[in-house]
Amino acid sequence: MRSRLIRPQTLVFVCITLITGTRAQVSTSVAYEYAKIAYPGATLTTVNGLNNGNTIVGSYFDSNDFVHGFVYRQGKFTAVNFASATATEVLGINDDGDIVGVYQLPGPLNFHGFLRHNGVFTTIDSPKAQFGTTAFAINRAGTIIGSYDNAHGFIYSADKYRTLDAPQLQGEPPNTQLNGINNLGWIAGQVLTGGNWRGFWIIANDLDFLEPRGRADNQVTGINGRGDIVGCHDATAGFISFQVENSEGSETSEKYPAQEGLASCVTAINFARVVVGNYFTVKQPYGFLGVPALTLQVASPVNHSVHTNPVHIVASASGNNPMAQIQIWANYKKVFQVKGGELDANVRLPVGTNVRVAIYAIDSKGTTTKVVDTVAVY
């Protein structure tokens, strides 16, 4: 499940991450720069969400092991505490600065969701909950999603609650968690079925799973307005998949989305593809912020396409630093390069049915990212 501070999980962090995806015949690759997020004086910090204005929310343990929420905006931390609560965690934020999360009162199994709007707290409790509700995310329309009783997902909109449970095998006890919602109303989550967590996303009444049944645990923790999703495998390996709906076929022929791995779990992504998540070091755990440093987009060739020589190759790159060059490698040999961040050329490639074409973008600081396709050339 997506972790809360009452259930901390160990994560691993790496400094450079490559991710690729496909949208409307355009492949994308992004390299990230990372910054550490740690609440001052905290013994443990987790980062749980962010909005399109790059405001971050999370939770931390103080030196007395009490749990508090926080908002981090423009380099400044602000603690968040629900009145009379023994613990408060902030799990989500929308573009208007409304935050949601969970707070606990004295006594066993006594936890409640909350919304803070214009500085005023409101308790969010599903009427079907027996012992607890958690509000995980909110979008700009004010729709809140989460889970109750650690068993059912819920949607709260226009003062009405609706239970949303993902498909399971017959006879399995319900166990659905909803983690994220974007401004289009698309929802991310996971369900325990067949002995494993299966991540999914939902658009209207269409639910799609990240992986086939029987794979190792996976969860989808966040979704942005582009339809990019992020998540984890067993909380030790994160992933990103770009624009998952745009590569779909019919409901009977659609493919599972391509994933590119991250060494630590990502909890949220915004429209600018800024990501947040969590990792542990030997000395102290931290959250992280990942900002795109270099983005490469390849319009041609398309993966698994068929060509005759010369092959038309179109790519563009941009980032925080000036672009140095774009290179084309075929079957691990460099065959072409151009200065700058724009490439539109006809290039002769080796003939074959499975030619590996790697297109690299390199900036002035040496940061590199790439898109790799396999094509047939005759």
Protein backbone atom coordinates (compact mmCIF):
# COMPACT_ATOMS: atom_id res chain seq x y z
CA MET A 1 0.00 0.00 0.00
CA ARG A 2 0.95 3.62 -0.35
CA SER A 3 2.82 4.29 2.87
CA ARG A 4 1.85 6.63 5.67
CA LEU A 5 4.13 7.51 8.55
CA ILE A 6 2.48 4.94 10.75
CA ARG A 7 3.85 2.40 8.28
CA PRO A 8 7.24 3.72 7.10
CA GLN A 9 8.92 1.81 4.30
CA THR A 10 12.53 1.69 3.14
CA LEU A 11 13.31 3.31 -0.20
CA VAL A 12 16.49 3.72 -2.24
CA PHE A 13 17.45 6.89 -4.12
CA VAL A 14 19.53 7.47 -7.23
CA CYS A 15 20.59 10.81 -8.68
CA ILE A 16 20.01 10.28 -12.40
CA THR A 17 16.83 8.79 -13.81
CA LEU A 18 15.85 8.04 -17.41
CA ILE A 19 12.22 7.66 -18.38
CA THR A 20 10.58 7.08 -21.73
CA GLY A 21 7.08 6.92 -23.06
CA THR A 22 4.93 7.28 -26.16
CA ARG A 23 2.20 9.76 -27.06
CA ALA A 24 0.59 10.10 -30.49
CA GLN A 25 3.71 8.76 -32.23
CA VAL A 26 6.07 10.87 -30.10
CA SER A 27 8.49 9.20 -27.69
CA THR A 28 9.71 11.16 -24.67
CA SER A 29 12.69 10.82 -22.38
CA VAL A 30 13.50 12.93 -19.31
CA ALA A 31 16.59 13.23 -17.10
CA TYR A 32 16.03 14.61 -13.60
CA GLU A 33 17.89 16.75 -11.10
CA TYR A 34 17.08 15.95 -7.48
CA ALA A 35 16.90 17.90 -4.24
CA LYS A 36 16.50 16.57 -0.71
CA ILE A 37 13.36 17.44 1.26
CA ALA A 38 13.68 17.14 5.06
CA TYR A 39 11.66 19.01 7.67
CA PRO A 40 14.08 20.90 9.98
CA GLY A 41 14.78 18.92 13.15
CA ALA A 42 12.64 15.96 12.09
CA THR A 43 13.79 12.39 12.68
CA LEU A 44 11.86 11.19 9.62
CA THR A 45 10.25 13.05 6.72
CA THR A 46 7.95 11.67 4.03
CA VAL A 47 6.83 13.61 0.98
CA ASN A 48 3.32 12.70 -0.12
CA GLY A 49 2.13 15.09 -2.82
CA LEU A 50 2.50 18.28 -4.84
CA ASN A 51 0.37 20.51 -7.02
CA ASN A 52 0.94 22.23 -10.35
CA GLY A 53 2.42 25.22 -8.55
CA ASN A 54 5.15 22.97 -7.08
CA THR A 55 3.85 23.28 -3.51
CA ILE A 56 4.76 20.09 -1.65
CA VAL A 57 2.98 18.38 1.23
CA GLY A 58 4.11 15.63 3.57
CA SER A 59 4.56 14.48 7.14
CA TYR A 60 7.32 14.20 9.71
CA PHE A 61 8.24 12.74 13.09
CA ASP A 62 9.48 15.24 15.67
CA SER A 63 12.10 14.43 18.31
CA ASN A 64 9.36 13.08 20.61
CA ASP A 65 8.02 10.76 17.90
CA PHE A 66 4.85 12.77 17.35
CA VAL A 67 3.60 12.95 13.77
CA HIS A 68 2.80 16.27 12.08
CA GLY A 69 1.88 17.34 8.59
CA PHE A 70 3.62 20.06 6.61
CA VAL A 71 3.32 22.29 3.57
CA TYR A 72 6.53 23.28 1.76
CA ARG A 73 6.24 26.30 -0.53
CA GLN A 74 8.96 28.48 -2.04
CA GLY A 75 11.58 27.12 0.34
CA LYS A 76 9.53 27.52 3.52
CA PHE A 77 8.05 24.76 5.70
CA THR A 78 4.77 25.26 7.56
CA ALA A 79 3.59 22.66 10.09
CA VAL A 80 0.01 21.40 9.90
CA ASN A 81 -1.81 20.00 12.94
CA PHE A 82 -5.48 19.11 13.32
CA ALA A 83 -6.75 20.47 16.65
CA SER A 84 -6.76 17.87 19.49
CA ALA A 85 -5.26 15.20 17.24
CA THR A 86 -2.46 12.93 18.42
CA ALA A 87 -1.12 12.69 14.85
CA THR A 88 -1.68 14.58 11.60
CA GLU A 89 -0.50 13.69 8.10
CA VAL A 90 -0.95 15.77 4.95
CA LEU A 91 -1.31 13.51 1.92
CA GLY A 92 -2.54 15.67 -0.95
CA ILE A 93 -2.89 19.24 -2.23
CA ASN A 94 -4.73 20.83 -5.16
CA ASP A 95 -3.88 23.86 -7.28
CA ASP A 96 -5.88 26.17 -4.99
CA GLY A 97 -3.86 25.13 -1.94
CA ASP A 98 -6.57 22.99 -0.35
CA ILE A 99 -4.99 20.09 1.52
CA VAL A 100 -6.27 16.69 2.60
CA GLY A 101 -4.94 13.97 4.84
CA VAL A 102 -5.62 11.97 7.98
CA TYR A 103 -5.59 12.67 11.70
CA GLN A 104 -5.81 10.38 14.69
CA LEU A 105 -7.56 10.92 17.99
CA PRO A 106 -6.79 9.15 21.28
CA GLY A 107 -7.88 5.54 21.34
CA PRO A 108 -7.38 2.54 19.06
CA LEU A 109 -8.33 2.60 15.38
CA ASN A 110 -9.67 6.11 15.58
CA PHE A 111 -8.53 7.94 12.47
CA HIS A 112 -10.33 10.41 10.23
CA GLY A 113 -9.77 12.16 6.94
CA PHE A 114 -9.70 15.92 6.73
CA LEU A 115 -9.93 18.82 4.30
CA ARG A 116 -8.39 22.21 5.00
CA HIS A 117 -9.93 24.89 2.79
CA ASN A 118 -9.11 28.57 3.29
CA GLY A 119 -7.51 27.67 6.61
CA VAL A 120 -10.61 25.89 7.96
CA PHE A 121 -10.48 22.17 8.79
CA THR A 122 -13.39 19.84 7.97
CA THR A 123 -13.52 16.17 8.94
CA ILE A 124 -13.93 13.75 6.03
CA ASP A 125 -15.54 10.50 7.23
CA SER A 126 -17.16 8.03 4.87
CA PRO A 127 -20.58 7.17 6.33
CA LYS A 128 -19.81 3.51 5.68
CA ALA A 129 -16.55 3.57 7.68
CA GLN A 130 -16.42 1.38 10.77
CA PHE A 131 -13.10 2.56 12.20
CA GLY A 132 -11.39 5.03 9.91
CA THR A 133 -11.19 7.17 6.77
CA THR A 134 -8.10 8.48 4.97
CA ALA A 135 -8.27 11.29 2.37
CA PHE A 136 -5.36 10.83 -0.03
CA ALA A 137 -5.86 13.42 -2.76
CA ILE A 138 -7.97 16.35 -3.99
CA ASN A 139 -8.24 18.01 -7.40
CA ARG A 140 -9.09 21.56 -8.37
CA ALA A 141 -12.81 20.76 -8.62
CA GLY A 142 -12.69 19.78 -4.95
CA THR A 143 -13.23 16.07 -5.56
CA ILE A 144 -11.56 14.05 -2.79
CA ILE A 145 -10.51 10.43 -3.08
CA GLY A 146 -9.21 8.03 -0.46
CA SER A 147 -9.99 4.85 1.42
CA TYR A 148 -11.95 3.78 4.45
CA ASP A 149 -11.44 0.88 6.84
CA ASN A 150 -8.26 0.02 4.89
CA ALA A 151 -10.59 -1.89 2.58
CA HIS A 152 -12.62 0.33 0.26
CA GLY A 153 -11.93 3.27 -1.99
CA PHE A 154 -14.19 6.28 -1.92
CA ILE A 155 -14.92 9.42 -3.94
CA TYR A 156 -16.33 12.50 -2.22
CA SER A 157 -17.84 15.14 -4.49
CA ALA A 158 -20.69 17.64 -4.14
CA ASP A 159 -21.23 16.55 -0.51
CA LYS A 160 -21.83 12.93 -1.55
CA TYR A 161 -19.73 9.82 -0.87
CA ARG A 162 -19.42 6.97 -3.34
CA THR A 163 -17.59 3.70 -2.75
CA LEU A 164 -15.26 2.63 -5.55
CA ASP A 165 -13.72 -0.84 -5.39
CA ALA A 166 -11.54 -2.33 -8.11
CA PRO A 167 -12.23 -5.82 -9.53
CA GLN A 168 -11.03 -8.82 -7.51
CA LEU A 169 -11.27 -12.57 -7.69
CA GLN A 170 -14.50 -14.09 -6.50
CA GLY A 171 -14.60 -14.50 -2.72
CA GLU A 172 -11.70 -12.15 -1.94
CA PRO A 173 -12.24 -9.61 0.86
CA PRO A 174 -12.36 -6.02 -0.44
CA ASN A 175 -9.04 -4.18 -0.39
CA THR A 176 -8.88 -1.14 -2.66
CA GLN A 177 -6.90 2.05 -2.07
CA LEU A 178 -7.28 5.21 -4.15
CA ASN A 179 -4.12 7.33 -4.15
CA GLY A 180 -4.35 10.19 -6.62
CA ILE A 181 -6.70 12.25 -8.80
CA ASN A 182 -5.87 14.77 -11.52
CA ASN A 183 -7.83 17.83 -12.60
CA LEU A 184 -9.56 15.78 -15.31
CA GLY A 185 -10.95 13.45 -12.65
CA TRP A 186 -8.71 10.51 -13.57
CA ILE A 187 -7.91 8.35 -10.54
CA ALA A 188 -4.87 6.25 -9.55
CA GLY A 189 -4.80 3.41 -7.04
CA GLN A 190 -4.25 -0.27 -6.33
CA VAL A 191 -6.17 -3.36 -5.25
CA LEU A 192 -5.06 -6.51 -3.43
CA THR A 193 -6.09 -9.49 -5.53
CA GLY A 194 -4.60 -12.91 -6.13
CA GLY A 195 -2.16 -12.31 -3.29
CA ASN A 196 -0.57 -9.22 -4.88
CA TRP A 197 -1.20 -5.50 -5.17
CA ARG A 198 -2.22 -4.43 -8.69
CA GLY A 199 -1.91 -0.79 -9.64
CA PHE A 200 -4.55 0.79 -11.86
CA TRP A 201 -5.94 4.04 -13.20
CA ILE A 202 -9.56 4.94 -13.89
CA ILE A 203 -11.10 7.29 -16.45
CA ALA A 204 -14.87 7.54 -16.03
CA ASN A 205 -15.93 3.88 -16.01
CA ASP A 206 -12.81 2.54 -17.70
CA LEU A 207 -10.34 0.87 -15.30
CA ASP A 208 -6.96 -0.25 -16.65
CA PHE A 209 -4.35 -2.27 -14.78
CA LEU A 210 -0.65 -1.48 -14.85
CA GLU A 211 0.45 -5.12 -15.21
CA PRO A 212 -1.08 -8.55 -15.79
CA ARG A 213 -2.44 -10.54 -12.88
CA GLY A 214 0.19 -12.53 -10.98
CA ARG A 215 3.04 -10.03 -11.30
CA ALA A 216 4.93 -8.77 -8.26
CA ASP A 217 3.30 -6.09 -6.12
CA ASN A 218 2.78 -2.80 -7.91
CA GLN A 219 0.87 0.36 -7.11
CA VAL A 220 0.00 3.53 -9.02
CA THR A 221 0.45 6.41 -6.59
CA GLY A 222 -0.10 9.47 -8.78
CA ILE A 223 -1.42 10.75 -12.10
CA ASN A 224 -1.05 14.17 -13.73
CA GLY A 225 -3.05 16.10 -16.29
CA ARG A 226 -1.07 14.61 -19.19
CA GLY A 227 -2.02 11.09 -18.14
CA ASP A 228 1.51 10.27 -16.91
CA ILE A 229 1.44 7.85 -13.98
CA VAL A 230 3.97 7.14 -11.24
CA GLY A 231 4.21 4.43 -8.63
CA CYS A 232 6.16 1.68 -6.96
CA HIS A 233 6.99 -1.99 -6.93
CA ASP A 234 7.23 -3.30 -3.35
CA ALA A 235 8.06 0.30 -2.29
CA THR A 236 11.71 -0.21 -3.20
CA ALA A 237 11.55 0.45 -6.94
CA GLY A 238 9.61 3.29 -8.50
CA PHE A 239 8.53 3.80 -12.10
CA ILE A 240 7.08 6.35 -14.49
CA SER A 241 4.88 5.67 -17.53
CA PHE A 242 4.10 8.51 -19.91
CA GLN A 243 0.59 9.34 -21.20
CA VAL A 244 -0.80 5.89 -20.65
CA GLU A 245 -4.11 6.44 -22.42
CA ASN A 246 -2.66 7.67 -25.71
CA SER A 247 -1.10 4.32 -26.66
CA GLU A 248 -4.27 2.34 -26.01
CA GLY A 249 -6.13 0.42 -28.66
CA SER A 250 -9.55 -1.10 -28.14
CA GLU A 251 -10.43 -2.52 -24.74
CA THR A 252 -9.67 -6.01 -26.05
CA SER A 253 -6.34 -5.13 -27.70
CA GLU A 254 -4.85 -2.41 -25.50
CA LYS A 255 -1.36 -2.98 -24.15
CA TYR A 256 0.03 -2.55 -20.66
CA PRO A 257 2.03 0.68 -20.52
CA ALA A 258 5.80 0.74 -20.79
CA GLN A 259 7.55 1.49 -17.50
CA GLU A 260 10.94 3.00 -16.84
CA GLY A 261 12.39 2.26 -13.44
CA LEU A 262 13.33 4.56 -10.61
CA ALA A 263 15.40 3.39 -7.68
CA SER A 264 12.97 4.83 -5.16
CA CYS A 265 9.24 5.26 -4.83
CA VAL A 266 7.59 8.29 -6.44
CA THR A 267 4.42 9.47 -4.71
CA ALA A 268 3.18 12.22 -7.05
CA ILE A 269 3.76 13.97 -10.39
CA ASN A 270 2.45 17.29 -11.68
CA PHE A 271 1.76 18.60 -15.18
CA ALA A 272 5.33 19.89 -15.58
CA ARG A 273 6.51 16.34 -14.76
CA VAL A 274 8.06 17.43 -11.49
CA VAL A 275 8.02 14.42 -9.18
CA VAL A 276 8.25 13.88 -5.43
CA GLY A 277 8.90 10.76 -3.42
CA ASN A 278 10.90 9.20 -0.62
CA TYR A 279 14.21 7.46 -0.05
CA PHE A 280 16.28 6.33 2.90
CA THR A 281 19.94 6.80 3.66
CA VAL A 282 21.93 4.95 6.28
CA LYS A 283 21.86 7.94 8.63
CA GLN A 284 18.45 9.51 8.05
CA PRO A 285 15.43 9.16 5.75
CA TYR A 286 14.44 11.99 3.44
CA GLY A 287 11.90 12.93 0.86
CA PHE A 288 13.00 14.15 -2.55
CA LEU A 289 11.97 16.56 -5.27
CA GLY A 290 12.85 15.70 -8.87
CA VAL A 291 12.83 18.44 -11.54
CA PRO A 292 13.23 17.72 -15.27
CA ALA A 293 16.69 18.83 -16.34
CA LEU A 294 16.65 17.57 -19.94
CA THR A 295 13.72 16.45 -22.11
CA LEU A 296 14.05 14.67 -25.45
CA GLN A 297 11.13 14.12 -27.82
CA VAL A 298 11.39 11.88 -30.88
CA ALA A 299 8.68 12.14 -33.55
CA SER A 300 10.31 9.76 -36.03
CA PRO A 301 11.03 6.89 -36.29
CA VAL A 302 8.22 5.23 -34.38
CA ASN A 303 9.04 2.10 -32.41
CA HIS A 304 8.54 -1.11 -34.45
CA SER A 305 7.99 0.82 -37.69
CA VAL A 306 9.20 -0.21 -41.15
CA HIS A 307 11.44 1.99 -43.35
CA THR A 308 13.55 2.14 -46.46
CA ASN A 309 16.85 4.01 -46.50
CA PRO A 310 17.40 6.82 -45.85
CA VAL A 311 15.26 6.96 -42.69
CA HIS A 312 13.65 10.24 -41.73
CA ILE A 313 14.57 11.09 -38.12
CA VAL A 314 13.01 13.98 -36.24
CA ALA A 315 13.85 14.90 -32.65
CA SER A 316 14.06 17.92 -30.36
CA ALA A 317 15.61 18.50 -26.95
CA SER A 318 15.36 21.22 -24.32
CA GLY A 319 16.30 21.72 -20.70
CA ASN A 320 17.92 23.82 -18.03
CA ASN A 321 21.18 24.18 -19.97
CA PRO A 322 21.97 24.88 -23.64
CA MET A 323 21.81 21.83 -25.88
CA ALA A 324 25.16 20.57 -27.12
CA GLN A 325 24.12 17.93 -29.64
CA ILE A 326 21.77 15.14 -30.64
CA GLN A 327 23.37 11.85 -31.68
CA ILE A 328 21.98 8.85 -33.58
CA TRP A 329 23.34 5.39 -32.84
CA ALA A 330 22.37 2.30 -34.84
CA ASN A 331 23.18 -1.12 -33.43
CA TYR A 332 25.52 0.52 -30.90
CA LYS A 333 27.49 2.53 -33.49
CA LYS A 334 27.19 6.30 -33.90
CA VAL A 335 26.02 7.10 -37.42
CA PHE A 336 25.02 10.77 -37.24
CA GLN A 337 25.06 13.84 -35.02
CA VAL A 338 23.94 17.45 -35.13
CA LYS A 339 24.78 20.43 -32.96
CA GLY A 340 22.05 22.00 -30.87
CA GLY A 341 18.65 20.71 -29.85
CA GLU A 342 16.88 20.18 -33.18
CA LEU A 343 17.25 17.24 -35.54
CA ASP A 344 15.42 16.75 -38.85
CA ALA A 345 17.46 14.61 -41.22
CA ASN A 346 17.40 11.65 -43.57
CA VAL A 347 19.93 9.15 -42.24
CA ARG A 348 21.12 5.86 -43.72
CA LEU A 349 20.79 3.03 -41.19
CA PRO A 350 21.93 -0.60 -41.30
CA VAL A 351 19.55 -2.93 -43.11
CA GLY A 352 17.75 -5.45 -40.93
CA THR A 353 14.49 -6.46 -39.33
CA ASN A 354 15.50 -5.45 -35.77
CA VAL A 355 17.71 -2.39 -35.99
CA ARG A 356 18.30 -0.77 -32.62
CA VAL A 357 18.11 3.01 -33.02
CA ALA A 358 19.17 5.08 -30.01
CA ILE A 359 18.77 8.86 -30.13
CA TYR A 360 20.75 10.75 -27.47
CA ALA A 361 20.37 14.35 -26.31
CA ILE A 362 23.38 15.89 -24.57
CA ASP A 363 23.41 19.32 -22.95
CA SER A 364 26.33 21.67 -22.29
CA LYS A 365 26.88 20.19 -18.81
CA GLY A 366 27.07 16.62 -20.10
CA THR A 367 23.59 15.58 -18.93
CA THR A 368 22.30 12.87 -21.25
CA THR A 369 19.00 11.22 -21.98
CA LYS A 370 17.93 8.89 -24.77
CA VAL A 371 15.08 7.24 -26.62
CA VAL A 372 15.63 3.71 -27.95
CA ASP A 373 13.45 2.20 -30.69
CA THR A 374 13.61 -0.98 -32.73
CA VAL A 375 12.78 -0.62 -36.43
CA ALA A 376 12.96 -2.60 -39.64
CA VAL A 377 15.04 -1.14 -42.48
CA TYR A 378 15.04 -2.54 -46.03
